[in-house]
Protein backbone atom coordinates (compact mmCIF):
# COMPACT_ATOMS: atom_id res chain seq x y z
CA UNK A 1 66.28 118.39 126.96
CA UNK A 2 68.93 115.96 128.19
CA UNK A 3 72.07 115.34 126.31
CA UNK A 4 72.78 111.91 125.13
CA UNK A 5 76.15 110.63 127.01
CA UNK A 6 78.27 108.40 124.78
CA UNK A 7 80.33 105.45 126.21
CA UNK A 8 83.92 104.96 125.77
CA UNK A 9 83.29 102.18 123.06
CA UNK A 10 80.49 103.97 121.20
CA UNK A 11 82.65 106.50 119.31
CA UNK A 12 82.59 107.11 115.88
CA UNK A 13 86.14 107.80 115.39
CA UNK A 14 89.64 106.16 116.29
CA UNK A 15 92.35 108.51 117.58
CA UNK A 16 95.83 108.20 116.47
CA UNK A 17 99.20 109.94 117.36
CA UNK A 18 101.53 110.68 114.61
CA UNK A 19 105.37 110.84 114.63
CA UNK A 20 106.88 112.63 111.72
CA UNK A 21 110.09 112.06 110.21
CA UNK A 22 111.45 115.70 111.25
CA UNK A 23 110.69 114.62 115.11
CA UNK A 24 107.27 116.64 115.88
CA UNK A 25 104.22 114.74 116.75
CA UNK A 26 100.65 115.20 116.24
CA UNK A 27 98.15 113.99 118.97
CA UNK A 28 94.84 112.71 118.78
CA UNK A 29 94.02 112.83 115.12
CA UNK A 30 90.68 111.35 114.35
CA UNK A 31 90.05 108.58 111.64
CA UNK A 32 86.32 107.52 111.16
CA UNK A 33 85.93 103.99 112.23
CA UNK A 34 83.82 103.31 109.09
CA UNK A 35 86.96 103.94 106.78
CA UNK A 36 89.50 101.84 108.65
CA UNK A 37 90.01 98.37 106.97
CA UNK A 38 89.87 95.87 110.06
CA UNK A 39 92.51 93.44 108.63
CA UNK A 40 94.78 96.10 108.05
CA UNK A 41 94.17 98.75 110.78
CA UNK A 42 97.34 100.73 110.91
CA UNK A 43 97.88 100.59 107.35
CA UNK A 44 94.59 102.02 106.28
CA UNK A 45 94.61 104.57 109.20
CA UNK A 46 98.01 105.68 107.90
CA UNK A 47 96.73 105.90 104.45
CA UNK A 48 93.87 108.11 105.63
CA UNK A 49 95.95 110.40 107.99
CA UNK A 50 98.46 111.07 105.09
CA UNK A 51 95.46 112.13 102.94
CA UNK A 52 94.60 114.42 105.73
CA UNK A 53 98.00 115.89 105.81
CA UNK A 54 98.05 116.72 101.89
CA UNK A 55 94.84 118.57 102.34
CA UNK A 56 96.12 120.39 105.25
CA UNK A 57 99.41 121.07 103.44
CA UNK A 58 97.71 122.32 100.47
CA UNK A 59 95.33 124.50 102.51
CA UNK A 60 98.34 126.00 104.05
CA UNK A 61 100.68 126.17 101.03
CA UNK A 62 103.53 124.32 102.82
CA UNK A 63 104.79 120.81 101.62
CA UNK A 64 103.29 117.83 103.77
CA UNK A 65 105.55 116.19 106.29
CA UNK A 66 106.62 112.69 105.79
CA UNK A 67 104.91 110.18 108.62
CA UNK A 68 107.61 108.02 110.44
CA UNK A 69 104.95 106.00 112.77
CA UNK A 70 101.43 105.99 113.52
CA UNK A 71 100.20 104.81 116.96
CA UNK A 72 96.39 104.44 117.90
CA UNK A 73 95.57 105.92 121.05
CA UNK A 74 93.91 103.22 123.79
């Protein structure tokens, strides 16, 4: 059975690079397109990424890192 190929614009996720205040970076973090507010795209994506970071920090037992900036990957 052949697999379905997706085109570049058909992704269900937007990818973001996160720059933290401590100088580290996290690349290609996924944010579901259905959860992003189109009017304030970067702000809503940042909120989602912060929530993901809080969950990761809670599971790892470490404090969450402070986000300096968020850039969408094109």
